[in-house]
Amino acid sequence: MKYILLSSLSILLVSTTSAIAQETTFNPSRSIAPQVAQASKNTLAMGTFVTTEQDHPTSGMATIIEEDGKRYLVFNEEFTTAEGPDVQVVLHRESEVPVKLQEEDYMTIAPLASMNGTQRYLLPDDLNLDEFQAVSIWCRQFNVSFGYAALN
């Protein structure tokens, strides 16, 4: 008798687990995949900022997008970095950016528009993105990289 009761309980447990699994199975009709695919279709690269120089914390995300035949470097609304003189946005040839930059290793895009929040920078048409692996926030006056985002 105990065996039959245990078997019935096992069948009930298997049936319930199976019903739960069916309920949580991916349903394409409720998917947001087309919207995600549309948003990512224009994304060429992206990365998350990490702090390089501890006295100048930097965070947020950087994305390179293509829109109407132009490419832009975009920082998200969570972007923030420390104050400093002559702060620049640069692309760096390596995926890890050192505190001190060597002139042959980077290309200046523009002066940093704001120390925080969403911003967008037009990239030159002739820029070969394959030559650069990160974006960095860099103080030209003291040659100090505040932080960088490896672009993947």
N, C-alpha and C. Protein backbone atom coordinates (compact mmCIF):
# COMPACT_ATOMS: atom_id res chain seq x y z
N MET A 1 0.81 -1.20 0.00
CA MET A 1 0.00 0.00 0.00
C MET A 1 0.86 1.26 0.00
N LYS A 2 1.90 1.25 0.79
CA LYS A 2 2.79 2.40 0.83
C LYS A 2 3.42 2.64 -0.54
N TYR A 3 3.73 1.55 -1.25
CA TYR A 3 4.35 1.66 -2.58
C TYR A 3 3.40 2.33 -3.57
N ILE A 4 2.15 1.97 -3.53
CA ILE A 4 1.16 2.55 -4.45
C ILE A 4 0.97 4.03 -4.14
N LEU A 5 0.88 4.38 -2.89
CA LEU A 5 0.73 5.77 -2.50
C LEU A 5 1.95 6.59 -2.92
N LEU A 6 3.14 6.04 -2.73
CA LEU A 6 4.36 6.72 -3.15
C LEU A 6 4.41 6.87 -4.65
N SER A 7 4.00 5.87 -5.38
CA SER A 7 3.97 5.93 -6.85
C SER A 7 2.99 6.99 -7.32
N SER A 8 1.84 7.05 -6.69
CA SER A 8 0.84 8.05 -7.06
C SER A 8 1.37 9.45 -6.79
N LEU A 9 2.05 9.61 -5.68
CA LEU A 9 2.64 10.90 -5.34
C LEU A 9 3.72 11.28 -6.36
N SER A 10 4.51 10.30 -6.78
CA SER A 10 5.56 10.55 -7.79
C SER A 10 4.94 10.96 -9.11
N ILE A 11 3.88 10.28 -9.51
CA ILE A 11 3.20 10.62 -10.77
C ILE A 11 2.64 12.03 -10.68
N LEU A 12 2.02 12.35 -9.55
CA LEU A 12 1.48 13.69 -9.35
C LEU A 12 2.58 14.73 -9.42
N LEU A 13 3.72 14.46 -8.78
CA LEU A 13 4.85 15.38 -8.80
C LEU A 13 5.39 15.56 -10.21
N VAL A 14 5.54 14.48 -10.96
CA VAL A 14 6.02 14.55 -12.34
C VAL A 14 5.04 15.33 -13.19
N SER A 15 3.75 15.09 -13.03
CA SER A 15 2.72 15.79 -13.81
C SER A 15 2.74 17.28 -13.51
N THR A 16 2.86 17.64 -12.24
CA THR A 16 2.90 19.05 -11.85
C THR A 16 4.15 19.73 -12.39
N THR A 17 5.29 19.07 -12.28
CA THR A 17 6.55 19.62 -12.80
C THR A 17 6.45 19.82 -14.30
N SER A 18 5.86 18.85 -14.98
CA SER A 18 5.71 18.94 -16.44
C SER A 18 4.81 20.11 -16.81
N ALA A 19 3.73 20.32 -16.07
CA ALA A 19 2.82 21.44 -16.35
C ALA A 19 3.52 22.77 -16.11
N ILE A 20 4.31 22.86 -15.06
CA ILE A 20 5.05 24.09 -14.79
C ILE A 20 6.06 24.35 -15.90
N ALA A 21 6.76 23.31 -16.34
CA ALA A 21 7.73 23.48 -17.42
C ALA A 21 7.06 23.95 -18.69
N GLN A 22 5.86 23.42 -18.98
CA GLN A 22 5.15 23.85 -20.18
C GLN A 22 4.74 25.30 -20.07
N GLU A 23 4.35 25.72 -18.89
CA GLU A 23 3.92 27.09 -18.66
C GLU A 23 5.05 28.09 -18.84
N THR A 24 6.27 27.72 -18.48
CA THR A 24 7.40 28.64 -18.55
C THR A 24 8.21 28.48 -19.84
N THR A 25 7.74 27.63 -20.74
CA THR A 25 8.43 27.45 -22.01
C THR A 25 8.31 28.73 -22.83
N PHE A 26 9.33 29.04 -23.59
CA PHE A 26 9.37 30.23 -24.43
C PHE A 26 8.19 30.26 -25.38
N ASN A 27 7.46 31.34 -25.41
CA ASN A 27 6.31 31.50 -26.27
C ASN A 27 6.61 32.60 -27.28
N PRO A 28 6.86 32.23 -28.56
CA PRO A 28 7.24 33.23 -29.56
C PRO A 28 6.20 34.32 -29.76
N SER A 29 4.93 34.02 -29.53
CA SER A 29 3.91 35.04 -29.75
C SER A 29 3.99 36.16 -28.73
N ARG A 30 4.60 35.90 -27.56
CA ARG A 30 4.75 36.93 -26.54
C ARG A 30 6.17 37.48 -26.50
N SER A 31 6.97 37.16 -27.45
CA SER A 31 8.39 37.52 -27.45
C SER A 31 8.61 38.99 -27.77
N ILE A 32 9.65 39.56 -27.16
CA ILE A 32 10.07 40.92 -27.52
C ILE A 32 11.33 40.85 -28.39
N ALA A 33 11.68 39.66 -28.85
CA ALA A 33 12.89 39.48 -29.65
C ALA A 33 12.96 40.42 -30.85
N PRO A 34 11.86 40.65 -31.62
CA PRO A 34 11.98 41.57 -32.75
C PRO A 34 12.41 42.97 -32.34
N GLN A 35 11.92 43.47 -31.18
CA GLN A 35 12.32 44.79 -30.73
C GLN A 35 13.79 44.81 -30.33
N VAL A 36 14.26 43.76 -29.66
CA VAL A 36 15.65 43.68 -29.26
C VAL A 36 16.53 43.60 -30.50
N ALA A 37 16.14 42.77 -31.46
CA ALA A 37 16.91 42.63 -32.70
C ALA A 37 16.98 43.96 -33.43
N GLN A 38 15.88 44.70 -33.45
CA GLN A 38 15.86 45.99 -34.12
C GLN A 38 16.82 46.96 -33.44
N ALA A 39 16.81 46.99 -32.10
CA ALA A 39 17.68 47.90 -31.37
C ALA A 39 19.14 47.52 -31.57
N SER A 40 19.45 46.23 -31.59
CA SER A 40 20.83 45.80 -31.70
C SER A 40 21.33 45.78 -33.13
N LYS A 41 20.43 45.88 -34.09
CA LYS A 41 20.82 45.87 -35.51
C LYS A 41 21.78 47.01 -35.82
N ASN A 42 21.60 48.14 -35.17
CA ASN A 42 22.43 49.31 -35.41
C ASN A 42 23.65 49.38 -34.50
N THR A 43 23.76 48.46 -33.55
CA THR A 43 24.87 48.47 -32.60
C THR A 43 26.08 47.80 -33.22
N LEU A 44 27.19 48.53 -33.28
CA LEU A 44 28.43 47.99 -33.83
C LEU A 44 29.35 47.46 -32.75
N ALA A 45 29.33 48.08 -31.57
CA ALA A 45 30.17 47.65 -30.45
C ALA A 45 29.63 48.30 -29.18
N MET A 46 29.95 47.67 -28.04
CA MET A 46 29.55 48.26 -26.77
C MET A 46 30.44 47.75 -25.65
N GLY A 47 30.46 48.50 -24.56
CA GLY A 47 31.26 48.11 -23.41
C GLY A 47 30.87 48.90 -22.17
N THR A 48 31.30 48.39 -21.03
CA THR A 48 31.02 49.01 -19.74
C THR A 48 32.28 49.69 -19.21
N PHE A 49 32.14 50.93 -18.77
CA PHE A 49 33.29 51.66 -18.24
C PHE A 49 33.78 51.06 -16.93
N VAL A 50 35.09 51.03 -16.79
CA VAL A 50 35.75 50.68 -15.53
C VAL A 50 36.71 51.81 -15.20
N THR A 51 36.94 52.01 -13.94
CA THR A 51 37.84 53.07 -13.49
C THR A 51 39.29 52.66 -13.70
N THR A 52 40.08 53.57 -14.27
CA THR A 52 41.51 53.33 -14.46
C THR A 52 42.30 53.94 -13.32
N GLU A 53 42.00 55.18 -13.01
CA GLU A 53 42.72 55.93 -11.98
C GLU A 53 41.76 56.14 -10.83
N GLN A 54 42.04 55.53 -9.67
CA GLN A 54 41.09 55.45 -8.56
C GLN A 54 40.57 56.79 -8.04
N ASP A 55 41.29 57.86 -8.23
CA ASP A 55 40.82 59.17 -7.79
C ASP A 55 39.82 59.79 -8.77
N HIS A 56 39.59 59.10 -9.90
CA HIS A 56 38.67 59.61 -10.93
C HIS A 56 37.70 58.51 -11.35
N PRO A 57 36.77 58.11 -10.47
CA PRO A 57 35.85 57.01 -10.79
C PRO A 57 35.03 57.29 -12.03
N THR A 58 34.89 56.26 -12.84
CA THR A 58 34.16 56.36 -14.10
C THR A 58 33.29 55.11 -14.24
N SER A 59 32.02 55.31 -14.63
CA SER A 59 31.12 54.18 -14.82
C SER A 59 30.08 54.51 -15.88
N GLY A 60 29.32 53.50 -16.28
CA GLY A 60 28.31 53.66 -17.32
C GLY A 60 28.64 52.78 -18.51
N MET A 61 27.94 53.00 -19.60
CA MET A 61 28.16 52.20 -20.80
C MET A 61 28.44 53.09 -22.00
N ALA A 62 29.24 52.53 -22.92
CA ALA A 62 29.52 53.18 -24.19
C ALA A 62 29.06 52.24 -25.30
N THR A 63 28.44 52.80 -26.32
CA THR A 63 27.96 52.02 -27.46
C THR A 63 28.31 52.77 -28.73
N ILE A 64 28.74 52.02 -29.73
CA ILE A 64 28.93 52.61 -31.06
C ILE A 64 27.78 52.12 -31.91
N ILE A 65 27.04 53.07 -32.48
CA ILE A 65 25.88 52.73 -33.29
C ILE A 65 26.05 53.32 -34.70
N GLU A 66 25.30 52.77 -35.62
CA GLU A 66 25.24 53.34 -36.97
C GLU A 66 23.81 53.77 -37.22
N GLU A 67 23.67 55.02 -37.69
CA GLU A 67 22.36 55.59 -37.93
C GLU A 67 22.42 56.47 -39.16
N ASP A 68 21.60 56.18 -40.14
CA ASP A 68 21.55 56.95 -41.38
C ASP A 68 22.92 57.09 -42.03
N GLY A 69 23.70 56.02 -42.03
CA GLY A 69 25.01 56.00 -42.67
C GLY A 69 26.12 56.67 -41.87
N LYS A 70 25.82 57.16 -40.69
CA LYS A 70 26.82 57.79 -39.81
C LYS A 70 27.01 56.91 -38.58
N ARG A 71 28.22 56.96 -38.01
CA ARG A 71 28.51 56.21 -36.79
C ARG A 71 28.68 57.18 -35.63
N TYR A 72 28.14 56.77 -34.48
CA TYR A 72 28.17 57.60 -33.28
C TYR A 72 28.65 56.80 -32.09
N LEU A 73 29.38 57.46 -31.21
CA LEU A 73 29.75 56.91 -29.92
C LEU A 73 28.75 57.51 -28.93
N VAL A 74 28.05 56.65 -28.19
CA VAL A 74 26.99 57.10 -27.29
C VAL A 74 27.29 56.61 -25.87
N PHE A 75 27.17 57.50 -24.90
CA PHE A 75 27.27 57.14 -23.49
C PHE A 75 25.85 57.11 -22.93
N ASN A 76 25.54 56.12 -22.09
CA ASN A 76 24.18 56.00 -21.57
C ASN A 76 23.94 56.97 -20.41
N GLU A 77 22.70 56.97 -19.92
CA GLU A 77 22.30 57.91 -18.87
C GLU A 77 23.02 57.66 -17.56
N GLU A 78 23.55 56.44 -17.34
CA GLU A 78 24.29 56.14 -16.11
C GLU A 78 25.76 56.56 -16.18
N PHE A 79 26.19 57.07 -17.33
CA PHE A 79 27.60 57.46 -17.45
C PHE A 79 27.92 58.56 -16.44
N THR A 80 29.05 58.40 -15.78
CA THR A 80 29.56 59.43 -14.87
C THR A 80 31.08 59.30 -14.76
N THR A 81 31.74 60.41 -14.63
CA THR A 81 33.19 60.43 -14.42
C THR A 81 33.54 61.62 -13.54
N ALA A 82 34.77 61.66 -13.08
CA ALA A 82 35.23 62.73 -12.19
C ALA A 82 35.49 64.01 -12.97
N GLU A 83 35.51 65.12 -12.25
CA GLU A 83 35.86 66.42 -12.83
C GLU A 83 37.36 66.45 -13.13
N GLY A 84 37.72 67.23 -14.10
CA GLY A 84 39.13 67.41 -14.44
C GLY A 84 39.28 68.44 -15.54
N PRO A 85 40.49 68.96 -15.71
CA PRO A 85 40.72 69.93 -16.78
C PRO A 85 40.97 69.22 -18.11
N ASP A 86 40.50 69.80 -19.20
CA ASP A 86 40.82 69.33 -20.55
C ASP A 86 40.53 67.83 -20.72
N VAL A 87 39.34 67.40 -20.30
CA VAL A 87 38.97 65.99 -20.38
C VAL A 87 38.47 65.68 -21.80
N GLN A 88 39.01 64.62 -22.36
CA GLN A 88 38.75 64.23 -23.75
C GLN A 88 38.15 62.83 -23.84
N VAL A 89 37.44 62.58 -24.93
CA VAL A 89 36.97 61.24 -25.27
C VAL A 89 37.93 60.74 -26.34
N VAL A 90 38.56 59.59 -26.07
CA VAL A 90 39.52 59.04 -27.03
C VAL A 90 39.21 57.57 -27.30
N LEU A 91 39.57 57.12 -28.49
CA LEU A 91 39.54 55.70 -28.81
C LEU A 91 40.95 55.18 -28.63
N HIS A 92 41.07 54.00 -28.03
CA HIS A 92 42.39 53.42 -27.75
C HIS A 92 42.55 52.11 -28.51
N ARG A 93 43.77 51.84 -28.94
CA ARG A 93 44.05 50.64 -29.74
C ARG A 93 43.96 49.34 -28.96
N GLU A 94 44.15 49.38 -27.65
CA GLU A 94 44.12 48.17 -26.81
C GLU A 94 42.80 48.09 -26.05
N SER A 95 42.42 46.89 -25.66
CA SER A 95 41.17 46.72 -24.91
C SER A 95 41.31 47.12 -23.44
N GLU A 96 42.55 47.11 -22.91
CA GLU A 96 42.81 47.60 -21.56
C GLU A 96 43.64 48.88 -21.69
N VAL A 97 43.13 49.95 -21.12
CA VAL A 97 43.77 51.25 -21.27
C VAL A 97 44.56 51.57 -20.00
N PRO A 98 45.86 51.91 -20.17
CA PRO A 98 46.66 52.25 -18.99
C PRO A 98 46.33 53.65 -18.48
N VAL A 99 46.83 53.99 -17.31
CA VAL A 99 46.61 55.32 -16.75
C VAL A 99 47.26 56.38 -17.64
N LYS A 100 48.50 56.17 -18.05
CA LYS A 100 49.22 57.11 -18.93
C LYS A 100 49.16 56.62 -20.37
N LEU A 101 48.75 57.49 -21.30
CA LEU A 101 48.62 57.10 -22.71
C LEU A 101 49.85 57.48 -23.52
N GLN A 102 50.16 56.65 -24.49
CA GLN A 102 51.21 56.95 -25.46
C GLN A 102 50.52 57.51 -26.71
N GLU A 103 51.06 58.55 -27.30
CA GLU A 103 50.42 59.25 -28.41
C GLU A 103 50.01 58.33 -29.56
N GLU A 104 50.82 57.33 -29.87
CA GLU A 104 50.54 56.45 -31.01
C GLU A 104 49.42 55.44 -30.72
N ASP A 105 48.95 55.37 -29.47
CA ASP A 105 47.97 54.36 -29.08
C ASP A 105 46.53 54.84 -29.06
N TYR A 106 46.28 56.12 -29.31
CA TYR A 106 44.91 56.61 -29.20
C TYR A 106 44.60 57.64 -30.29
N MET A 107 43.30 57.91 -30.43
CA MET A 107 42.80 58.95 -31.34
C MET A 107 41.76 59.76 -30.58
N THR A 108 41.92 61.08 -30.55
CA THR A 108 40.97 61.94 -29.86
C THR A 108 39.71 62.10 -30.71
N ILE A 109 38.56 61.90 -30.06
CA ILE A 109 37.26 62.06 -30.74
C ILE A 109 36.72 63.46 -30.51
N ALA A 110 36.71 63.91 -29.25
CA ALA A 110 36.16 65.24 -28.93
C ALA A 110 36.40 65.53 -27.45
N PRO A 111 36.30 66.80 -27.08
CA PRO A 111 36.29 67.12 -25.64
C PRO A 111 35.04 66.49 -25.02
N LEU A 112 35.14 66.02 -23.77
CA LEU A 112 34.00 65.44 -23.08
C LEU A 112 32.93 66.51 -22.89
N ALA A 113 31.72 66.24 -23.34
CA ALA A 113 30.64 67.23 -23.29
C ALA A 113 30.13 67.46 -21.87
N SER A 114 30.05 66.39 -21.07
CA SER A 114 29.52 66.49 -19.71
C SER A 114 30.13 65.38 -18.86
N MET A 115 30.28 65.63 -17.59
CA MET A 115 30.85 64.63 -16.68
C MET A 115 29.86 63.52 -16.34
N ASN A 116 28.60 63.70 -16.74
CA ASN A 116 27.62 62.64 -16.50
C ASN A 116 26.46 62.73 -17.47
N GLY A 117 25.78 61.59 -17.61
CA GLY A 117 24.58 61.54 -18.42
C GLY A 117 24.82 61.16 -19.87
N THR A 118 23.72 61.04 -20.58
CA THR A 118 23.72 60.65 -21.98
C THR A 118 24.44 61.68 -22.83
N GLN A 119 25.28 61.19 -23.73
CA GLN A 119 25.98 62.05 -24.69
C GLN A 119 26.26 61.26 -25.95
N ARG A 120 26.48 61.99 -27.03
CA ARG A 120 26.63 61.36 -28.34
C ARG A 120 27.70 62.11 -29.13
N TYR A 121 28.63 61.33 -29.73
CA TYR A 121 29.74 61.91 -30.49
C TYR A 121 29.77 61.31 -31.88
N LEU A 122 29.79 62.15 -32.89
CA LEU A 122 29.90 61.71 -34.28
C LEU A 122 31.32 61.21 -34.53
N LEU A 123 31.44 60.02 -35.09
CA LEU A 123 32.76 59.47 -35.42
C LEU A 123 33.11 59.81 -36.87
N PRO A 124 34.38 60.05 -37.15
CA PRO A 124 34.79 60.38 -38.52
C PRO A 124 34.42 59.25 -39.50
N ASP A 125 34.01 59.64 -40.70
CA ASP A 125 33.64 58.66 -41.72
C ASP A 125 34.78 57.71 -42.07
N ASP A 126 36.00 58.24 -42.07
CA ASP A 126 37.15 57.42 -42.48
C ASP A 126 37.78 56.63 -41.33
N LEU A 127 37.17 56.64 -40.16
CA LEU A 127 37.70 55.92 -39.00
C LEU A 127 37.52 54.41 -39.19
N ASN A 128 38.62 53.66 -39.06
CA ASN A 128 38.56 52.21 -39.12
C ASN A 128 38.39 51.69 -37.70
N LEU A 129 37.18 51.29 -37.35
CA LEU A 129 36.89 50.84 -35.99
C LEU A 129 37.68 49.59 -35.60
N ASP A 130 38.11 48.81 -36.58
CA ASP A 130 38.89 47.60 -36.29
C ASP A 130 40.24 47.92 -35.65
N GLU A 131 40.69 49.16 -35.77
CA GLU A 131 41.98 49.57 -35.20
C GLU A 131 41.89 49.95 -33.72
N PHE A 132 40.66 50.05 -33.19
CA PHE A 132 40.48 50.52 -31.82
C PHE A 132 39.62 49.53 -31.03
N GLN A 133 40.03 49.28 -29.79
CA GLN A 133 39.35 48.27 -28.97
C GLN A 133 38.71 48.83 -27.71
N ALA A 134 38.88 50.13 -27.46
CA ALA A 134 38.30 50.71 -26.24
C ALA A 134 38.06 52.21 -26.44
N VAL A 135 37.18 52.74 -25.62
CA VAL A 135 36.99 54.18 -25.52
C VAL A 135 37.44 54.57 -24.13
N SER A 136 38.11 55.72 -24.03
CA SER A 136 38.64 56.16 -22.74
C SER A 136 38.27 57.61 -22.47
N ILE A 137 38.11 57.92 -21.20
CA ILE A 137 37.95 59.30 -20.74
C ILE A 137 39.32 59.71 -20.22
N TRP A 138 39.89 60.72 -20.86
CA TRP A 138 41.31 61.04 -20.66
C TRP A 138 41.52 62.52 -20.40
N CYS A 139 42.29 62.84 -19.38
CA CYS A 139 42.68 64.22 -19.08
C CYS A 139 43.98 64.51 -19.84
N ARG A 140 43.86 65.34 -20.88
CA ARG A 140 45.03 65.65 -21.71
C ARG A 140 46.09 66.40 -20.90
N GLN A 141 45.67 67.35 -20.07
CA GLN A 141 46.62 68.19 -19.33
C GLN A 141 47.59 67.37 -18.47
N PHE A 142 47.09 66.33 -17.81
CA PHE A 142 47.95 65.54 -16.93
C PHE A 142 48.24 64.14 -17.47
N ASN A 143 47.78 63.85 -18.69
CA ASN A 143 47.93 62.53 -19.31
C ASN A 143 47.49 61.43 -18.35
N VAL A 144 46.21 61.51 -17.95
CA VAL A 144 45.63 60.52 -17.03
C VAL A 144 44.32 60.01 -17.61
N SER A 145 44.24 58.71 -17.78
CA SER A 145 43.00 58.07 -18.19
C SER A 145 42.15 57.84 -16.94
N PHE A 146 40.95 58.43 -16.92
CA PHE A 146 40.06 58.27 -15.76
C PHE A 146 39.43 56.88 -15.76
N GLY A 147 39.02 56.42 -16.94
CA GLY A 147 38.37 55.13 -17.07
C GLY A 147 38.22 54.78 -18.53
N TYR A 148 37.84 53.54 -18.80
CA TYR A 148 37.68 53.10 -20.17
C TYR A 148 36.62 52.01 -20.26
N ALA A 149 36.14 51.81 -21.49
CA ALA A 149 35.21 50.72 -21.79
C ALA A 149 35.78 49.94 -22.97
N ALA A 150 36.07 48.66 -22.74
CA ALA A 150 36.49 47.79 -23.84
C ALA A 150 35.29 47.60 -24.76
N LEU A 151 35.50 47.75 -26.06
CA LEU A 151 34.41 47.66 -27.02
C LEU A 151 34.36 46.26 -27.63
N ASN A 152 33.25 45.59 -27.41
CA ASN A 152 33.05 44.24 -27.96
C ASN A 152 31.87 44.25 -28.90
